[in-house]
Amino acid sequence: MVASAWVYTLIPATAAIAGAAVAVNTRPGPNLVSAIQHFAAAGVVFAAAAGEILPDMRFSVRNC
């Protein structure tokens, strides 16, 4: 069980290192920069919506 958790931790760490290596050696085009910015903005919107909705759901479930 612990070994599988270690493997699951290595997957994103390896992806981050590979992405950093690519970013150091290449310059992204304007379309890629735009896509990354839109993806990040969507994540911020999703986090804000979750922060507003989830507390209400937690309290409504306790009252039922």
C-alpha atoms as a PDB file:
ATOM      1  CA  MET A   1       0.000   0.000   0.000  1.00  0.00           C
ATOM      2  CA  VAL A   2       2.764   2.441   0.864  1.00  0.00           C
ATOM      3  CA  ALA A   3       4.659   1.561  -2.316  1.00  0.00           C
ATOM      4  CA  SER A   4       1.671   2.475  -4.486  1.00  0.00           C
ATOM      5  CA  ALA A   5       1.371   5.844  -2.728  1.00  0.00           C
ATOM      6  CA  TRP A   6       5.046   6.464  -3.482  1.00  0.00           C
ATOM      7  CA  VAL A   7       4.473   5.689  -7.166  1.00  0.00           C
ATOM      8  CA  TYR A   8       1.446   8.003  -7.293  1.00  0.00           C
ATOM      9  CA  THR A   9       3.582  10.756  -5.770  1.00  0.00           C
ATOM     10  CA  LEU A  10       6.325  10.264  -8.343  1.00  0.00           C
ATOM     11  CA  ILE A  11       3.982  10.686 -11.310  1.00  0.00           C
ATOM     12  CA  PRO A  12       3.175  14.411 -10.789  1.00  0.00           C
ATOM     13  CA  ALA A  13       6.696  15.123  -9.552  1.00  0.00           C
ATOM     14  CA  THR A  14       8.160  13.650 -12.735  1.00  0.00           C
ATOM     15  CA  ALA A  15       5.675  15.586 -14.861  1.00  0.00           C
ATOM     16  CA  ALA A  16       6.605  18.831 -13.084  1.00  0.00           C
ATOM     17  CA  ILE A  17      10.321  18.244 -13.610  1.00  0.00           C
ATOM     18  CA  ALA A  18       9.802  17.343 -17.266  1.00  0.00           C
ATOM     19  CA  GLY A  19       7.626  20.420 -17.781  1.00  0.00           C
ATOM     20  CA  ALA A  20      10.226  22.631 -16.134  1.00  0.00           C
ATOM     21  CA  ALA A  21      12.946  21.199 -18.375  1.00  0.00           C
ATOM     22  CA  VAL A  22      10.866  21.882 -21.478  1.00  0.00           C
ATOM     23  CA  ALA A  23      10.014  25.402 -20.291  1.00  0.00           C
ATOM     24  CA  VAL A  24      13.674  26.234 -19.702  1.00  0.00           C
ATOM     25  CA  ASN A  25      14.702  25.121 -23.185  1.00  0.00           C
ATOM     26  CA  THR A  26      11.818  26.401 -25.340  1.00  0.00           C
ATOM     27  CA  ARG A  27       9.788  29.584 -25.573  1.00  0.00           C
ATOM     28  CA  PRO A  28       6.012  28.999 -25.748  1.00  0.00           C
ATOM     29  CA  GLY A  29       4.049  30.604 -28.533  1.00  0.00           C
ATOM     30  CA  PRO A  30       1.225  33.070 -27.952  1.00  0.00           C
ATOM     31  CA  ASN A  31      -1.461  30.409 -28.406  1.00  0.00           C
ATOM     32  CA  LEU A  32       0.064  28.180 -25.742  1.00  0.00           C
ATOM     33  CA  VAL A  33       0.472  31.100 -23.339  1.00  0.00           C
ATOM     34  CA  SER A  34      -3.174  32.021 -23.895  1.00  0.00           C
ATOM     35  CA  ALA A  35      -4.316  28.446 -23.289  1.00  0.00           C
ATOM     36  CA  ILE A  36      -2.330  28.213 -20.054  1.00  0.00           C
ATOM     37  CA  GLN A  37      -3.728  31.533 -18.822  1.00  0.00           C
ATOM     38  CA  HIS A  38      -7.296  30.442 -19.600  1.00  0.00           C
ATOM     39  CA  PHE A  39      -6.750  27.142 -17.817  1.00  0.00           C
ATOM     40  CA  ALA A  40      -5.416  28.932 -14.730  1.00  0.00           C
ATOM     41  CA  ALA A  41      -8.298  31.426 -14.766  1.00  0.00           C
ATOM     42  CA  ALA A  42     -10.805  28.590 -14.987  1.00  0.00           C
ATOM     43  CA  GLY A  43      -9.170  26.971 -11.968  1.00  0.00           C
ATOM     44  CA  VAL A  44      -9.472  30.209  -9.990  1.00  0.00           C
ATOM     45  CA  VAL A  45     -13.160  30.524 -10.912  1.00  0.00           C
ATOM     46  CA  PHE A  46     -13.798  26.895  -9.975  1.00  0.00           C
ATOM     47  CA  ALA A  47     -12.044  27.350  -6.618  1.00  0.00           C
ATOM     48  CA  ALA A  48     -14.036  30.504  -5.868  1.00  0.00           C
ATOM     49  CA  ALA A  49     -17.312  28.787  -6.736  1.00  0.00           C
ATOM     50  CA  ALA A  50     -16.407  25.773  -4.610  1.00  0.00           C
ATOM     51  CA  GLY A  51     -15.497  28.057  -1.724  1.00  0.00           C
ATOM     52  CA  GLU A  52     -18.938  29.654  -1.899  1.00  0.00           C
ATOM     53  CA  ILE A  53     -21.009  26.501  -2.438  1.00  0.00           C
ATOM     54  CA  LEU A  54     -19.346  23.824  -0.328  1.00  0.00           C
ATOM     55  CA  PRO A  55     -19.803  25.477   3.098  1.00  0.00           C
ATOM     56  CA  ASP A  56     -23.531  25.872   2.383  1.00  0.00           C
ATOM     57  CA  MET A  57     -23.796  22.229   1.398  1.00  0.00           C
ATOM     58  CA  ARG A  58     -22.021  21.123   4.565  1.00  0.00           C
ATOM     59  CA  PHE A  59     -24.456  22.949   6.801  1.00  0.00           C
ATOM     60  CA  SER A  60     -27.516  21.876   4.840  1.00  0.00           C
ATOM     61  CA  VAL A  61     -26.524  18.207   5.109  1.00  0.00           C
ATOM     62  CA  ARG A  62     -26.169  18.451   8.912  1.00  0.00           C
ATOM     63  CA  ASN A  63     -29.633  19.972   9.274  1.00  0.00           C
ATOM     64  CA  CYS A  64     -31.393  17.203   7.351  1.00  0.00           C
END
